[in-house]
C-alpha cells in the first residue's frame, strides 16, 4: 500500500504491551517491500519480550529534528498529577538524568495547564476527561519540516472510573 503512494522508507513496529521494543528488534526500518516482508516474517516468527506478536504497525519513516518525552501521571509522594517533559525522548527514557526532566505539579481542579510545554494542555485534557492514571507520548517528535508527531503513546485508565464512562463498556473483558 505504501509503495503505491511513493513511500519507500517505512518503519515496522511490533504491537505488544511492552516498552523497549526498539532495543529488542521490535521496531525495524525498511527501504523496500521485499525487506519489509522479510522483517515481518521474522517478527511474527518469534516472541518479543516474552510475548507473541499478533500485529505489526507499518508507518512512513520520517526525518526527525527533535525527540521529546511528555507524560502526565500521579506522583504518589506529592499526591497530585505531575506533568513531566524532557527534550530527550525515545529509547531509555528511564536513564535520562533527573535534571533533564522537567516536573510540574498540576491542580486537579484546574482545567488549565499553565506550563509552556508542547501539547501539555491536550495531554491534561485527555488525562482529566478519560480518568487516566497515565498518559504518555514517547517520543513526541518535531520533524525537520517543523511538524510535531506523537510516534508512540501509552494510556492507562483508572479501573475505578468505569461507572462514569459508558463508552468503556466495550473495553471490558468478555467472560
N, C-alpha and C. Protein backbone atom coordinates (compact mmCIF):
# COMPACT_ATOMS: atom_id res chain seq x y z
N UNK A 1 0.83 -1.19 0.00
CA UNK A 1 0.00 0.00 0.00
C UNK A 1 0.87 1.25 0.00
N UNK A 2 1.93 1.26 0.81
CA UNK A 2 2.77 2.45 0.89
C UNK A 2 3.55 2.67 -0.40
N UNK A 3 3.94 1.59 -1.08
CA UNK A 3 4.71 1.76 -2.31
C UNK A 3 3.88 2.41 -3.39
N UNK A 4 2.58 2.22 -3.41
CA UNK A 4 1.73 2.87 -4.40
C UNK A 4 1.64 4.37 -4.13
N UNK A 5 1.97 4.80 -2.91
CA UNK A 5 1.98 6.22 -2.58
C UNK A 5 3.36 6.84 -2.81
N UNK A 6 4.32 6.03 -3.26
CA UNK A 6 5.67 6.53 -3.47
C UNK A 6 6.50 6.57 -2.20
N UNK A 7 6.07 5.87 -1.16
CA UNK A 7 6.79 5.84 0.10
C UNK A 7 7.61 4.56 0.14
N UNK A 8 8.94 4.71 0.23
CA UNK A 8 9.80 3.53 0.22
C UNK A 8 10.49 3.31 1.55
N UNK A 9 10.59 4.32 2.38
CA UNK A 9 11.22 4.15 3.69
C UNK A 9 10.12 4.04 4.73
N UNK A 10 10.04 2.86 5.34
CA UNK A 10 8.97 2.61 6.31
C UNK A 10 9.55 2.07 7.61
N UNK A 11 8.72 2.12 8.64
CA UNK A 11 9.06 1.57 9.94
C UNK A 11 8.01 0.53 10.28
N UNK A 12 8.45 -0.63 10.73
CA UNK A 12 7.55 -1.68 11.18
C UNK A 12 7.67 -1.77 12.69
N UNK A 13 6.53 -1.68 13.40
CA UNK A 13 6.52 -1.71 14.85
C UNK A 13 5.68 -2.87 15.35
N UNK A 14 6.32 -3.79 16.06
CA UNK A 14 5.59 -4.91 16.66
C UNK A 14 4.61 -4.35 17.69
N UNK A 15 3.38 -4.80 17.64
CA UNK A 15 2.35 -4.32 18.57
C UNK A 15 2.24 -5.29 19.74
N UNK A 16 2.93 -4.93 20.82
CA UNK A 16 2.88 -5.72 22.05
C UNK A 16 2.71 -4.76 23.22
N UNK A 17 2.29 -5.30 24.36
CA UNK A 17 2.10 -4.49 25.56
C UNK A 17 3.40 -4.43 26.35
N UNK A 18 4.37 -3.72 25.80
CA UNK A 18 5.66 -3.62 26.46
C UNK A 18 6.43 -2.47 25.86
N UNK A 19 7.31 -1.90 26.66
CA UNK A 19 8.25 -0.93 26.15
C UNK A 19 9.49 -1.66 25.66
N UNK A 20 10.51 -0.91 25.36
CA UNK A 20 11.81 -1.43 24.94
C UNK A 20 11.76 -2.25 23.65
N UNK A 21 10.75 -1.98 22.80
CA UNK A 21 10.69 -2.70 21.53
C UNK A 21 11.87 -2.37 20.64
N UNK A 22 12.29 -1.10 20.63
CA UNK A 22 13.39 -0.68 19.78
C UNK A 22 14.69 -1.39 20.10
N UNK A 23 14.95 -1.63 21.37
CA UNK A 23 16.18 -2.30 21.78
C UNK A 23 16.11 -3.81 21.57
N UNK A 24 14.94 -4.35 21.26
CA UNK A 24 14.77 -5.79 21.13
C UNK A 24 14.26 -6.20 19.75
N UNK A 25 14.64 -5.45 18.74
CA UNK A 25 14.29 -5.71 17.34
C UNK A 25 12.78 -5.72 17.08
N UNK A 26 12.02 -5.01 17.90
CA UNK A 26 10.58 -4.91 17.68
C UNK A 26 10.20 -3.71 16.84
N UNK A 27 11.17 -2.87 16.55
CA UNK A 27 10.98 -1.73 15.64
C UNK A 27 12.09 -1.83 14.60
N UNK A 28 11.68 -1.99 13.34
CA UNK A 28 12.64 -2.19 12.26
C UNK A 28 12.39 -1.19 11.13
N UNK A 29 13.46 -0.73 10.53
CA UNK A 29 13.40 0.21 9.41
C UNK A 29 13.64 -0.56 8.12
N UNK A 30 12.82 -0.27 7.12
CA UNK A 30 12.90 -0.98 5.84
C UNK A 30 12.88 0.01 4.68
N UNK A 31 13.53 -0.38 3.57
CA UNK A 31 13.56 0.51 2.42
C UNK A 31 13.03 -0.13 1.15
N UNK A 32 12.42 -1.30 1.27
CA UNK A 32 11.81 -1.93 0.10
C UNK A 32 10.70 -2.86 0.55
N UNK A 33 9.77 -3.17 -0.34
CA UNK A 33 8.70 -4.11 0.01
C UNK A 33 9.25 -5.49 0.35
N UNK A 34 10.29 -5.92 -0.34
CA UNK A 34 10.88 -7.24 -0.08
C UNK A 34 11.49 -7.29 1.33
N UNK A 35 12.19 -6.23 1.69
CA UNK A 35 12.79 -6.16 3.02
C UNK A 35 11.70 -6.14 4.09
N UNK A 36 10.62 -5.38 3.85
CA UNK A 36 9.51 -5.31 4.81
C UNK A 36 8.87 -6.67 5.01
N UNK A 37 8.70 -7.42 3.92
CA UNK A 37 8.11 -8.76 4.02
C UNK A 37 9.00 -9.67 4.87
N UNK A 38 10.30 -9.62 4.62
CA UNK A 38 11.24 -10.46 5.37
C UNK A 38 11.23 -10.08 6.86
N UNK A 39 11.23 -8.79 7.16
CA UNK A 39 11.22 -8.33 8.55
C UNK A 39 9.92 -8.75 9.24
N UNK A 40 8.79 -8.61 8.57
CA UNK A 40 7.51 -9.03 9.15
C UNK A 40 7.53 -10.53 9.47
N UNK A 41 8.01 -11.32 8.54
CA UNK A 41 8.08 -12.77 8.78
C UNK A 41 8.94 -13.06 10.01
N UNK A 42 10.06 -12.33 10.14
CA UNK A 42 10.94 -12.53 11.29
C UNK A 42 10.24 -12.13 12.60
N UNK A 43 9.60 -10.98 12.59
CA UNK A 43 8.91 -10.50 13.81
C UNK A 43 7.81 -11.48 14.23
N UNK A 44 7.05 -11.96 13.27
CA UNK A 44 5.95 -12.87 13.59
C UNK A 44 6.43 -14.28 13.98
N UNK A 45 7.68 -14.63 13.64
CA UNK A 45 8.15 -15.98 13.89
C UNK A 45 8.71 -16.19 15.30
N UNK A 46 8.80 -15.14 16.09
CA UNK A 46 9.39 -15.27 17.43
C UNK A 46 8.58 -14.48 18.44
N UNK A 47 8.86 -14.78 19.70
CA UNK A 47 8.24 -13.94 20.72
C UNK A 47 9.16 -12.75 20.97
N UNK A 48 8.58 -11.69 21.43
CA UNK A 48 9.31 -10.46 21.68
C UNK A 48 9.06 -10.06 23.12
N UNK A 49 10.10 -10.02 23.91
CA UNK A 49 9.99 -9.70 25.33
C UNK A 49 8.97 -10.60 26.02
N UNK A 50 8.98 -11.88 25.62
CA UNK A 50 8.09 -12.85 26.24
C UNK A 50 6.66 -12.82 25.72
N UNK A 51 6.40 -12.10 24.65
CA UNK A 51 5.05 -12.00 24.09
C UNK A 51 5.07 -12.38 22.62
N UNK A 52 3.99 -13.00 22.18
CA UNK A 52 3.85 -13.29 20.76
C UNK A 52 3.29 -12.06 20.07
N UNK A 53 3.86 -11.74 18.95
CA UNK A 53 3.43 -10.58 18.17
C UNK A 53 2.26 -11.02 17.30
N UNK A 54 1.13 -10.34 17.44
CA UNK A 54 -0.06 -10.66 16.62
C UNK A 54 -0.36 -9.59 15.59
N UNK A 55 0.33 -8.45 15.69
CA UNK A 55 0.11 -7.37 14.72
C UNK A 55 1.38 -6.53 14.59
N UNK A 56 1.56 -5.95 13.42
CA UNK A 56 2.68 -5.06 13.15
C UNK A 56 2.11 -3.78 12.55
N UNK A 57 2.51 -2.65 13.11
CA UNK A 57 2.09 -1.36 12.58
C UNK A 57 3.12 -0.91 11.56
N UNK A 58 2.66 -0.49 10.40
CA UNK A 58 3.53 -0.02 9.32
C UNK A 58 3.35 1.48 9.21
N UNK A 59 4.44 2.24 9.31
CA UNK A 59 4.39 3.69 9.23
C UNK A 59 5.47 4.22 8.31
N UNK A 60 5.23 5.40 7.79
CA UNK A 60 6.24 6.07 6.99
C UNK A 60 7.40 6.51 7.90
N UNK A 61 8.62 6.28 7.45
CA UNK A 61 9.78 6.76 8.19
C UNK A 61 9.88 8.26 8.00
N UNK A 62 10.08 9.00 9.09
CA UNK A 62 10.15 10.45 8.99
C UNK A 62 11.53 10.93 9.41
N UNK A 63 11.87 12.13 8.98
CA UNK A 63 13.15 12.73 9.35
C UNK A 63 12.93 13.57 10.60
N UNK A 64 13.60 13.18 11.68
CA UNK A 64 13.37 13.76 12.99
C UNK A 64 14.44 14.80 13.32
N UNK A 65 13.98 15.97 13.78
CA UNK A 65 14.89 17.01 14.23
C UNK A 65 15.06 16.96 15.75
N UNK A 66 13.96 16.66 16.48
CA UNK A 66 13.99 16.62 17.94
C UNK A 66 13.11 15.48 18.44
N UNK A 67 13.52 14.85 19.55
CA UNK A 67 12.70 13.84 20.22
C UNK A 67 12.46 14.29 21.65
N UNK A 68 11.19 14.33 22.04
CA UNK A 68 10.82 14.73 23.39
C UNK A 68 10.08 13.60 24.09
N UNK A 69 10.01 13.69 25.40
CA UNK A 69 9.20 12.80 26.24
C UNK A 69 8.18 13.69 26.93
N UNK A 70 6.92 13.26 26.97
CA UNK A 70 5.86 14.04 27.60
C UNK A 70 4.89 13.08 28.26
N UNK A 71 4.60 13.31 29.54
CA UNK A 71 3.63 12.45 30.21
C UNK A 71 2.96 13.19 31.36
N UNK A 72 1.82 12.65 31.75
CA UNK A 72 1.17 13.06 33.00
C UNK A 72 0.81 11.77 33.72
N UNK A 73 1.18 11.72 34.98
CA UNK A 73 0.86 10.59 35.84
C UNK A 73 0.65 11.13 37.25
N UNK A 74 0.32 10.25 38.17
CA UNK A 74 0.19 10.67 39.56
C UNK A 74 1.51 10.53 40.28
N UNK A 75 1.86 11.55 41.03
CA UNK A 75 3.02 11.49 41.91
C UNK A 75 2.51 11.05 43.27
N UNK A 76 2.90 9.87 43.70
CA UNK A 76 2.37 9.32 44.95
C UNK A 76 2.87 10.08 46.17
N UNK A 77 4.06 10.66 46.09
CA UNK A 77 4.57 11.45 47.23
C UNK A 77 3.86 12.79 47.31
N UNK A 78 3.72 13.47 46.17
CA UNK A 78 3.07 14.77 46.14
C UNK A 78 1.55 14.69 46.16
N UNK A 79 1.03 13.49 45.90
CA UNK A 79 -0.42 13.24 45.85
C UNK A 79 -1.14 14.17 44.87
N UNK A 80 -0.48 14.43 43.76
CA UNK A 80 -1.02 15.27 42.70
C UNK A 80 -0.57 14.73 41.35
N UNK A 81 -1.33 15.06 40.30
CA UNK A 81 -0.84 14.74 38.96
C UNK A 81 0.42 15.56 38.68
N UNK A 82 1.33 14.95 37.94
CA UNK A 82 2.56 15.64 37.58
C UNK A 82 2.79 15.53 36.08
N UNK A 83 3.06 16.68 35.47
CA UNK A 83 3.43 16.76 34.07
C UNK A 83 4.94 16.62 34.00
N UNK A 84 5.41 15.69 33.19
CA UNK A 84 6.84 15.50 33.02
C UNK A 84 7.20 15.72 31.55
N UNK A 85 8.26 16.49 31.33
CA UNK A 85 8.71 16.79 29.97
C UNK A 85 10.23 16.72 29.92
N UNK A 86 10.74 16.11 28.87
CA UNK A 86 12.17 16.10 28.63
C UNK A 86 12.42 16.30 27.14
N UNK A 87 13.45 17.04 26.84
CA UNK A 87 13.86 17.21 25.45
C UNK A 87 14.72 16.04 24.98
N UNK A 88 14.83 15.04 25.85
CA UNK A 88 15.50 13.79 25.49
C UNK A 88 14.42 12.71 25.54
N UNK A 89 13.90 12.34 24.38
CA UNK A 89 12.85 11.33 24.33
C UNK A 89 13.33 10.10 23.59
N UNK A 90 12.44 9.13 23.44
CA UNK A 90 12.77 7.92 22.72
C UNK A 90 13.20 6.80 23.64
N UNK A 91 14.16 6.01 23.20
CA UNK A 91 14.59 4.86 23.99
C UNK A 91 15.32 5.29 25.25
N UNK A 92 15.23 4.45 26.25
CA UNK A 92 15.95 4.63 27.52
C UNK A 92 15.56 5.89 28.28
N UNK A 93 14.30 6.29 28.25
CA UNK A 93 13.87 7.47 28.99
C UNK A 93 14.13 7.29 30.49
N UNK A 94 14.07 6.05 30.96
CA UNK A 94 14.31 5.82 32.39
C UNK A 94 15.77 6.09 32.79
N UNK A 95 16.66 6.21 31.82
CA UNK A 95 18.06 6.50 32.12
C UNK A 95 18.43 7.97 31.93
N UNK A 96 17.43 8.81 31.60
CA UNK A 96 17.70 10.24 31.44
C UNK A 96 17.93 10.83 32.83
N UNK A 97 18.98 11.61 33.01
CA UNK A 97 19.24 12.22 34.32
C UNK A 97 18.06 13.07 34.80
N UNK A 98 17.78 13.00 36.09
CA UNK A 98 16.64 13.72 36.68
C UNK A 98 16.63 15.20 36.32
N UNK A 99 17.80 15.81 36.27
CA UNK A 99 17.87 17.25 35.99
C UNK A 99 17.48 17.58 34.54
N UNK A 100 17.39 16.57 33.69
CA UNK A 100 16.96 16.77 32.30
C UNK A 100 15.46 16.57 32.11
N UNK A 101 14.75 16.26 33.20
CA UNK A 101 13.30 16.06 33.12
C UNK A 101 12.62 17.15 33.96
N UNK A 102 11.80 17.96 33.29
CA UNK A 102 11.03 18.99 34.00
C UNK A 102 9.82 18.33 34.63
N UNK A 103 9.49 18.73 35.85
CA UNK A 103 8.31 18.20 36.55
C UNK A 103 7.47 19.37 37.03
N UNK A 104 6.18 19.33 36.71
CA UNK A 104 5.26 20.38 37.10
C UNK A 104 4.04 19.74 37.74
N UNK A 105 3.75 20.08 38.98
CA UNK A 105 2.55 19.57 39.62
C UNK A 105 1.33 20.30 39.08
N UNK A 106 0.24 19.55 38.88
CA UNK A 106 -0.98 20.10 38.30
C UNK A 106 -2.10 20.06 39.34
N UNK A 107 -2.92 21.10 39.30
CA UNK A 107 -4.06 21.18 40.20
C UNK A 107 -5.22 20.41 39.57
N UNK A 108 -5.68 19.32 40.18
CA UNK A 108 -6.74 18.53 39.56
C UNK A 108 -8.06 19.28 39.41
N UNK A 109 -8.22 20.38 40.10
CA UNK A 109 -9.45 21.18 39.99
C UNK A 109 -9.37 22.23 38.88
N UNK A 110 -8.19 22.42 38.34
CA UNK A 110 -7.98 23.43 37.31
C UNK A 110 -7.96 22.77 35.94
N UNK A 111 -8.82 23.23 35.05
CA UNK A 111 -8.86 22.67 33.69
C UNK A 111 -7.67 23.13 32.86
N UNK A 112 -7.03 24.19 33.29
CA UNK A 112 -5.92 24.76 32.51
C UNK A 112 -4.59 24.17 32.97
N UNK A 113 -3.76 23.91 31.99
CA UNK A 113 -2.37 23.54 32.26
C UNK A 113 -1.56 24.81 32.01
N UNK A 114 -0.95 25.32 33.04
CA UNK A 114 -0.32 26.63 32.96
C UNK A 114 1.13 26.60 32.51
N UNK A 115 1.60 25.48 32.03
CA UNK A 115 3.01 25.35 31.70
C UNK A 115 3.22 25.38 30.19
N UNK A 116 4.29 26.05 29.78
CA UNK A 116 4.60 26.24 28.37
C UNK A 116 5.41 25.05 27.86
N UNK A 117 4.71 23.94 27.66
CA UNK A 117 5.31 22.72 27.15
C UNK A 117 4.45 22.26 25.97
N UNK A 118 5.05 21.88 24.85
CA UNK A 118 4.25 21.47 23.68
C UNK A 118 3.22 20.40 24.03
N UNK A 119 1.98 20.63 23.68
CA UNK A 119 0.87 19.70 23.80
C UNK A 119 0.48 19.35 25.23
N UNK A 120 0.99 20.09 26.20
CA UNK A 120 0.67 19.82 27.60
C UNK A 120 -0.82 19.98 27.88
N UNK A 121 -1.45 21.00 27.31
CA UNK A 121 -2.88 21.21 27.55
C UNK A 121 -3.71 20.05 26.99
N UNK A 122 -3.38 19.60 25.80
CA UNK A 122 -4.11 18.48 25.20
C UNK A 122 -3.93 17.21 26.04
N UNK A 123 -2.74 16.99 26.55
CA UNK A 123 -2.48 15.82 27.40
C UNK A 123 -3.27 15.93 28.70
N UNK A 124 -3.31 17.14 29.29
CA UNK A 124 -4.05 17.38 30.52
C UNK A 124 -5.55 17.15 30.29
N UNK A 125 -6.07 17.62 29.17
CA UNK A 125 -7.49 17.40 28.84
C UNK A 125 -7.79 15.90 28.77
N UNK A 126 -6.94 15.15 28.10
CA UNK A 126 -7.12 13.70 27.99
C UNK A 126 -7.06 13.04 29.37
N UNK A 127 -6.07 13.40 30.15
CA UNK A 127 -5.88 12.82 31.48
C UNK A 127 -7.12 13.02 32.34
N UNK A 128 -7.67 14.24 32.32
CA UNK A 128 -8.82 14.56 33.17
C UNK A 128 -10.11 13.94 32.63
N UNK A 129 -10.36 14.11 31.35
CA UNK A 129 -11.63 13.65 30.76
C UNK A 129 -11.75 12.14 30.75
N UNK A 130 -10.64 11.45 30.61
CA UNK A 130 -10.68 9.99 30.50
C UNK A 130 -10.36 9.27 31.80
N UNK A 131 -10.22 10.02 32.90
CA UNK A 131 -9.90 9.40 34.19
C UNK A 131 -8.67 8.50 34.06
N UNK A 132 -7.62 9.06 33.52
CA UNK A 132 -6.40 8.28 33.29
C UNK A 132 -5.52 8.26 34.53
N UNK A 133 -4.73 7.22 34.62
CA UNK A 133 -3.66 7.14 35.61
C UNK A 133 -2.34 7.56 34.98
N UNK A 134 -2.27 7.41 33.65
CA UNK A 134 -1.07 7.76 32.90
C UNK A 134 -1.46 8.09 31.47
N UNK A 135 -0.92 9.18 30.95
CA UNK A 135 -0.92 9.46 29.52
C UNK A 135 0.51 9.84 29.17
N UNK A 136 1.05 9.18 28.16
CA UNK A 136 2.47 9.34 27.86
C UNK A 136 2.67 9.34 26.35
N UNK A 137 3.48 10.27 25.89
CA UNK A 137 3.91 10.29 24.49
C UNK A 137 5.43 10.17 24.50
N UNK A 138 5.92 9.11 23.88
CA UNK A 138 7.36 8.91 23.82
C UNK A 138 7.71 8.04 22.62
N UNK A 139 8.30 8.62 21.61
CA UNK A 139 8.71 10.00 21.55
C UNK A 139 7.65 10.91 20.91
N UNK A 140 7.65 12.14 21.37
CA UNK A 140 6.96 13.24 20.70
C UNK A 140 8.03 13.91 19.87
N UNK A 141 7.91 13.84 18.55
CA UNK A 141 9.00 14.33 17.70
C UNK A 141 8.60 15.58 16.95
N UNK A 142 9.62 16.36 16.68
CA UNK A 142 9.50 17.50 15.77
C UNK A 142 10.29 17.12 14.53
N UNK A 143 9.62 17.15 13.38
CA UNK A 143 10.28 16.77 12.14
C UNK A 143 11.16 17.91 11.64
N UNK A 144 11.98 17.63 10.65
CA UNK A 144 12.85 18.68 10.11
C UNK A 144 12.03 19.78 9.44
N UNK A 145 10.77 19.47 9.09
CA UNK A 145 9.90 20.49 8.49
C UNK A 145 9.10 21.25 9.55
N UNK A 146 9.32 20.93 10.84
CA UNK A 146 8.67 21.67 11.93
C UNK A 146 7.35 21.09 12.40
N UNK A 147 6.95 19.96 11.87
CA UNK A 147 5.69 19.31 12.27
C UNK A 147 5.92 18.48 13.53
N UNK A 148 4.95 18.49 14.45
CA UNK A 148 5.01 17.67 15.67
C UNK A 148 4.19 16.40 15.45
N UNK A 149 4.76 15.26 15.83
CA UNK A 149 4.08 13.98 15.66
C UNK A 149 4.31 13.13 16.90
N UNK A 150 3.25 12.53 17.42
CA UNK A 150 3.37 11.56 18.51
C UNK A 150 3.66 10.21 17.86
N UNK A 151 4.90 9.75 18.00
CA UNK A 151 5.28 8.49 17.36
C UNK A 151 4.84 7.27 18.15
N UNK A 152 4.71 7.42 19.45
CA UNK A 152 4.23 6.32 20.27
C UNK A 152 3.57 6.91 21.50
N UNK A 153 2.56 6.25 22.00
CA UNK A 153 1.82 6.75 23.16
C UNK A 153 1.31 5.59 24.00
N UNK A 154 1.08 5.90 25.25
CA UNK A 154 0.56 4.91 26.18
C UNK A 154 -0.47 5.60 27.07
N UNK A 155 -1.59 4.91 27.32
CA UNK A 155 -2.63 5.43 28.21
C UNK A 155 -3.03 4.31 29.15
N UNK A 156 -3.08 4.62 30.43
CA UNK A 156 -3.58 3.68 31.44
C UNK A 156 -4.78 4.34 32.10
N UNK A 157 -5.92 3.66 32.07
CA UNK A 157 -7.15 4.20 32.62
C UNK A 157 -7.37 3.71 34.05
N UNK A 158 -8.06 4.52 34.83
CA UNK A 158 -8.38 4.15 36.20
C UNK A 158 -9.60 3.24 36.20
N UNK A 159 -9.40 1.98 36.56
CA UNK A 159 -10.50 1.00 36.55
C UNK A 159 -11.68 1.43 37.41
N UNK A 160 -11.42 2.19 38.46
CA UNK A 160 -12.50 2.62 39.35
C UNK A 160 -13.42 3.65 38.71
N UNK A 161 -13.06 4.15 37.52
CA UNK A 161 -13.88 5.16 36.85
C UNK A 161 -14.81 4.57 35.79
N UNK A 162 -14.88 3.25 35.70
CA UNK A 162 -15.72 2.63 34.67
C UNK A 162 -17.16 3.12 34.73
N UNK A 163 -17.67 3.33 35.91
CA UNK A 163 -19.08 3.73 36.04
C UNK A 163 -19.36 5.09 35.41
N UNK A 164 -18.34 5.91 35.18
CA UNK A 164 -18.52 7.23 34.58
C UNK A 164 -18.37 7.23 33.07
N UNK A 165 -18.00 6.10 32.49
CA UNK A 165 -17.67 6.07 31.06
C UNK A 165 -18.43 4.95 30.37
N UNK A 166 -19.57 5.27 29.84
CA UNK A 166 -20.38 4.28 29.12
C UNK A 166 -19.60 3.68 27.94
N UNK A 167 -18.78 4.52 27.29
CA UNK A 167 -18.02 4.06 26.13
C UNK A 167 -16.92 3.06 26.49
N UNK A 168 -16.60 2.92 27.75
CA UNK A 168 -15.59 1.95 28.17
C UNK A 168 -16.14 0.53 28.22
N UNK A 169 -17.44 0.37 28.17
CA UNK A 169 -18.05 -0.96 28.27
C UNK A 169 -17.45 -1.92 27.24
N UNK A 170 -17.13 -1.40 26.06
CA UNK A 170 -16.56 -2.25 25.02
C UNK A 170 -15.14 -2.70 25.36
N UNK A 171 -14.52 -2.09 26.36
CA UNK A 171 -13.17 -2.47 26.77
C UNK A 171 -13.17 -3.60 27.80
N UNK A 172 -14.29 -3.85 28.42
CA UNK A 172 -14.37 -4.86 29.46
C UNK A 172 -14.15 -6.25 28.86
N UNK A 173 -13.40 -7.08 29.57
CA UNK A 173 -13.18 -8.45 29.07
C UNK A 173 -14.48 -9.23 29.07
N UNK A 174 -14.65 -10.04 28.07
CA UNK A 174 -15.86 -10.87 27.96
C UNK A 174 -15.58 -12.22 28.60
N UNK A 175 -16.54 -12.69 29.36
CA UNK A 175 -16.36 -13.98 30.01
C UNK A 175 -17.16 -15.06 29.34
